[in-house]
Amino acid sequence: MDVQLPGMDGLELTRQLKADPTRCGIVIIAVTSNAMTGDDEKARAAGCNDYMSKPIDIHLLPRLVAQHLARVENPSDRVT
């Protein structure tokens, strides 16, 4: 999820998606080019499962996606 979307803040869209019972289980990784101190906490508070600042690390992103998909596929591995 890009944090800065045209017309709507990406964190607001994340809140709306997570509030919808049919979509609340989706994995959302926030990405932004204007990273500020505390933005990762704001993203997680909005419901994002993870956070990355741009430029995107092309080695880290696939690992993050794989980790989150593994948690979805193996719910017993989730950290609460």
N, C-alpha and C. Protein backbone atom coordinates (compact mmCIF):
# COMPACT_ATOMS: atom_id res chain seq x y z
N MET A 1 0.85 -1.17 0.00
CA MET A 1 0.00 0.00 0.00
C MET A 1 0.89 1.23 0.00
N ASP A 2 0.74 2.06 -1.01
CA ASP A 2 1.47 3.32 -1.03
C ASP A 2 0.80 4.24 -0.01
N VAL A 3 1.57 4.82 0.86
CA VAL A 3 1.02 5.69 1.90
C VAL A 3 0.41 6.94 1.29
N GLN A 4 0.99 7.43 0.21
CA GLN A 4 0.49 8.66 -0.41
C GLN A 4 -0.23 8.33 -1.72
N LEU A 5 -1.53 8.10 -1.62
CA LEU A 5 -2.34 7.83 -2.79
C LEU A 5 -3.06 9.10 -3.21
N PRO A 6 -3.37 9.25 -4.49
CA PRO A 6 -4.15 10.42 -4.92
C PRO A 6 -5.59 10.28 -4.43
N GLY A 7 -6.08 11.31 -3.78
CA GLY A 7 -7.47 11.30 -3.33
C GLY A 7 -7.70 10.72 -1.96
N MET A 8 -6.86 9.80 -1.51
CA MET A 8 -7.03 9.19 -0.20
C MET A 8 -5.69 8.75 0.35
N ASP A 9 -5.46 9.00 1.59
CA ASP A 9 -4.28 8.54 2.29
C ASP A 9 -4.29 7.01 2.32
N GLY A 10 -3.15 6.39 2.01
CA GLY A 10 -3.07 4.94 2.02
C GLY A 10 -3.35 4.32 3.38
N LEU A 11 -3.03 5.04 4.45
CA LEU A 11 -3.32 4.51 5.78
C LEU A 11 -4.82 4.52 6.05
N GLU A 12 -5.53 5.52 5.53
CA GLU A 12 -6.99 5.55 5.67
C GLU A 12 -7.61 4.39 4.88
N LEU A 13 -7.11 4.15 3.69
CA LEU A 13 -7.61 3.02 2.90
C LEU A 13 -7.34 1.71 3.63
N THR A 14 -6.18 1.59 4.25
CA THR A 14 -5.87 0.40 5.04
C THR A 14 -6.87 0.24 6.17
N ARG A 15 -7.19 1.31 6.88
CA ARG A 15 -8.17 1.24 7.98
C ARG A 15 -9.52 0.75 7.45
N GLN A 16 -9.92 1.27 6.30
CA GLN A 16 -11.21 0.87 5.73
C GLN A 16 -11.19 -0.61 5.32
N LEU A 17 -10.11 -1.05 4.70
CA LEU A 17 -10.02 -2.45 4.30
C LEU A 17 -10.02 -3.37 5.52
N LYS A 18 -9.28 -3.02 6.54
CA LYS A 18 -9.20 -3.87 7.74
C LYS A 18 -10.51 -3.86 8.54
N ALA A 19 -11.31 -2.81 8.37
CA ALA A 19 -12.60 -2.74 9.07
C ALA A 19 -13.67 -3.59 8.38
N ASP A 20 -13.44 -3.95 7.13
CA ASP A 20 -14.38 -4.75 6.35
C ASP A 20 -14.17 -6.22 6.69
N PRO A 21 -15.17 -6.90 7.24
CA PRO A 21 -15.00 -8.31 7.64
C PRO A 21 -14.58 -9.22 6.48
N THR A 22 -14.92 -8.88 5.25
CA THR A 22 -14.55 -9.72 4.12
C THR A 22 -13.12 -9.48 3.66
N ARG A 23 -12.50 -8.42 4.15
CA ARG A 23 -11.14 -8.09 3.72
C ARG A 23 -10.15 -7.94 4.88
N CYS A 24 -10.61 -8.09 6.08
CA CYS A 24 -9.76 -7.80 7.25
C CYS A 24 -8.52 -8.68 7.35
N GLY A 25 -8.54 -9.83 6.70
CA GLY A 25 -7.40 -10.74 6.80
C GLY A 25 -6.32 -10.54 5.76
N ILE A 26 -6.50 -9.57 4.87
CA ILE A 26 -5.48 -9.36 3.84
C ILE A 26 -4.21 -8.80 4.45
N VAL A 27 -3.10 -9.11 3.82
CA VAL A 27 -1.80 -8.62 4.27
C VAL A 27 -1.50 -7.32 3.54
N ILE A 28 -1.15 -6.30 4.29
CA ILE A 28 -0.82 -5.00 3.70
C ILE A 28 0.56 -4.57 4.19
N ILE A 29 1.43 -4.28 3.23
CA ILE A 29 2.75 -3.74 3.52
C ILE A 29 2.75 -2.30 3.04
N ALA A 30 2.95 -1.37 3.95
CA ALA A 30 2.97 0.05 3.61
C ALA A 30 4.32 0.40 2.99
N VAL A 31 4.28 1.23 1.95
CA VAL A 31 5.52 1.74 1.35
C VAL A 31 5.38 3.25 1.19
N THR A 32 6.48 3.96 1.39
CA THR A 32 6.47 5.41 1.24
C THR A 32 7.84 5.91 0.85
N SER A 33 7.84 7.01 0.13
CA SER A 33 9.11 7.64 -0.23
C SER A 33 9.46 8.77 0.73
N ASN A 34 8.50 9.21 1.52
CA ASN A 34 8.72 10.30 2.48
C ASN A 34 8.71 9.77 3.90
N ALA A 35 9.66 8.91 4.20
CA ALA A 35 9.71 8.28 5.52
C ALA A 35 10.14 9.27 6.59
N MET A 36 9.35 9.32 7.63
CA MET A 36 9.64 10.16 8.79
C MET A 36 9.69 9.28 10.03
N THR A 37 10.35 9.74 11.06
CA THR A 37 10.41 9.01 12.31
C THR A 37 8.98 8.76 12.81
N GLY A 38 8.69 7.53 13.15
CA GLY A 38 7.38 7.17 13.67
C GLY A 38 6.38 6.72 12.62
N ASP A 39 6.73 6.84 11.33
CA ASP A 39 5.80 6.42 10.28
C ASP A 39 5.52 4.92 10.33
N ASP A 40 6.52 4.12 10.69
CA ASP A 40 6.28 2.68 10.77
C ASP A 40 5.24 2.36 11.85
N GLU A 41 5.29 3.07 12.98
CA GLU A 41 4.30 2.84 14.03
C GLU A 41 2.91 3.28 13.58
N LYS A 42 2.84 4.40 12.84
CA LYS A 42 1.55 4.87 12.32
C LYS A 42 0.96 3.86 11.35
N ALA A 43 1.82 3.30 10.51
CA ALA A 43 1.34 2.31 9.54
C ALA A 43 0.81 1.07 10.24
N ARG A 44 1.52 0.60 11.23
CA ARG A 44 1.06 -0.58 11.97
C ARG A 44 -0.22 -0.27 12.75
N ALA A 45 -0.31 0.92 13.31
CA ALA A 45 -1.53 1.31 14.04
C ALA A 45 -2.74 1.38 13.10
N ALA A 46 -2.49 1.70 11.83
CA ALA A 46 -3.58 1.76 10.85
C ALA A 46 -3.99 0.37 10.38
N GLY A 47 -3.17 -0.65 10.70
CA GLY A 47 -3.51 -2.02 10.32
C GLY A 47 -2.54 -2.65 9.34
N CYS A 48 -1.51 -1.92 8.95
CA CYS A 48 -0.52 -2.50 8.04
C CYS A 48 0.26 -3.59 8.77
N ASN A 49 0.56 -4.64 8.06
CA ASN A 49 1.30 -5.75 8.64
C ASN A 49 2.80 -5.50 8.65
N ASP A 50 3.25 -4.60 7.78
CA ASP A 50 4.67 -4.28 7.72
C ASP A 50 4.84 -2.93 7.06
N TYR A 51 6.07 -2.47 6.99
CA TYR A 51 6.37 -1.12 6.51
C TYR A 51 7.72 -1.13 5.82
N MET A 52 7.82 -0.44 4.68
CA MET A 52 9.10 -0.26 3.99
C MET A 52 9.17 1.15 3.46
N SER A 53 10.35 1.74 3.53
CA SER A 53 10.54 3.04 2.90
C SER A 53 11.22 2.84 1.56
N LYS A 54 10.94 3.76 0.65
CA LYS A 54 11.57 3.72 -0.67
C LYS A 54 12.94 4.37 -0.58
N PRO A 55 13.89 3.97 -1.37
CA PRO A 55 13.77 2.98 -2.44
C PRO A 55 13.60 1.58 -1.85
N ILE A 56 12.77 0.80 -2.50
CA ILE A 56 12.46 -0.55 -2.03
C ILE A 56 13.69 -1.44 -2.21
N ASP A 57 14.00 -2.16 -1.16
CA ASP A 57 15.09 -3.15 -1.19
C ASP A 57 14.55 -4.38 -1.92
N ILE A 58 15.05 -4.61 -3.12
CA ILE A 58 14.51 -5.70 -3.95
C ILE A 58 14.81 -7.09 -3.40
N HIS A 59 15.69 -7.17 -2.43
CA HIS A 59 15.98 -8.46 -1.79
C HIS A 59 15.10 -8.65 -0.56
N LEU A 60 14.83 -7.58 0.15
CA LEU A 60 14.02 -7.66 1.36
C LEU A 60 12.53 -7.82 1.05
N LEU A 61 12.01 -7.12 0.06
CA LEU A 61 10.58 -7.16 -0.22
C LEU A 61 10.07 -8.59 -0.48
N PRO A 62 10.71 -9.38 -1.33
CA PRO A 62 10.21 -10.75 -1.53
C PRO A 62 10.24 -11.59 -0.25
N ARG A 63 11.24 -11.36 0.60
CA ARG A 63 11.30 -12.09 1.88
C ARG A 63 10.14 -11.69 2.79
N LEU A 64 9.84 -10.38 2.85
CA LEU A 64 8.72 -9.93 3.67
C LEU A 64 7.40 -10.52 3.17
N VAL A 65 7.20 -10.47 1.87
CA VAL A 65 5.98 -11.03 1.30
C VAL A 65 5.88 -12.52 1.62
N ALA A 66 6.96 -13.25 1.45
CA ALA A 66 6.97 -14.69 1.74
C ALA A 66 6.67 -14.97 3.21
N GLN A 67 7.24 -14.16 4.11
CA GLN A 67 6.98 -14.35 5.55
C GLN A 67 5.51 -14.14 5.87
N HIS A 68 4.92 -13.09 5.31
CA HIS A 68 3.52 -12.82 5.60
C HIS A 68 2.61 -13.85 4.96
N LEU A 69 2.92 -14.30 3.77
CA LEU A 69 2.12 -15.35 3.15
C LEU A 69 2.22 -16.65 3.92
N ALA A 70 3.38 -16.96 4.46
CA ALA A 70 3.54 -18.16 5.27
C ALA A 70 2.68 -18.09 6.52
N ARG A 71 2.57 -16.91 7.11
CA ARG A 71 1.73 -16.76 8.31
C ARG A 71 0.26 -16.93 7.97
N VAL A 72 -0.14 -16.46 6.78
CA VAL A 72 -1.53 -16.62 6.35
C VAL A 72 -1.82 -18.10 6.11
N GLU A 73 -0.87 -18.80 5.50
CA GLU A 73 -1.04 -20.22 5.19
C GLU A 73 -0.92 -21.10 6.43
N ASN A 74 -0.18 -20.65 7.43
CA ASN A 74 0.04 -21.39 8.67
C ASN A 74 -0.34 -20.52 9.86
N PRO A 75 -1.65 -20.39 10.13
CA PRO A 75 -2.08 -19.47 11.19
C PRO A 75 -1.47 -19.77 12.56
N SER A 76 -1.05 -20.99 12.81
CA SER A 76 -0.45 -21.30 14.12
C SER A 76 0.91 -20.62 14.29
N ASP A 77 1.52 -20.16 13.19
CA ASP A 77 2.81 -19.47 13.26
C ASP A 77 2.67 -17.98 13.56
N ARG A 78 1.45 -17.48 13.60
CA ARG A 78 1.24 -16.04 13.80
C ARG A 78 1.65 -15.61 15.20
N VAL A 79 2.21 -14.43 15.27
CA VAL A 79 2.57 -13.84 16.56
C VAL A 79 1.44 -12.89 16.92
N THR A 80 0.91 -13.03 18.12
CA THR A 80 -0.17 -12.13 18.57
C THR A 80 0.29 -11.19 19.61
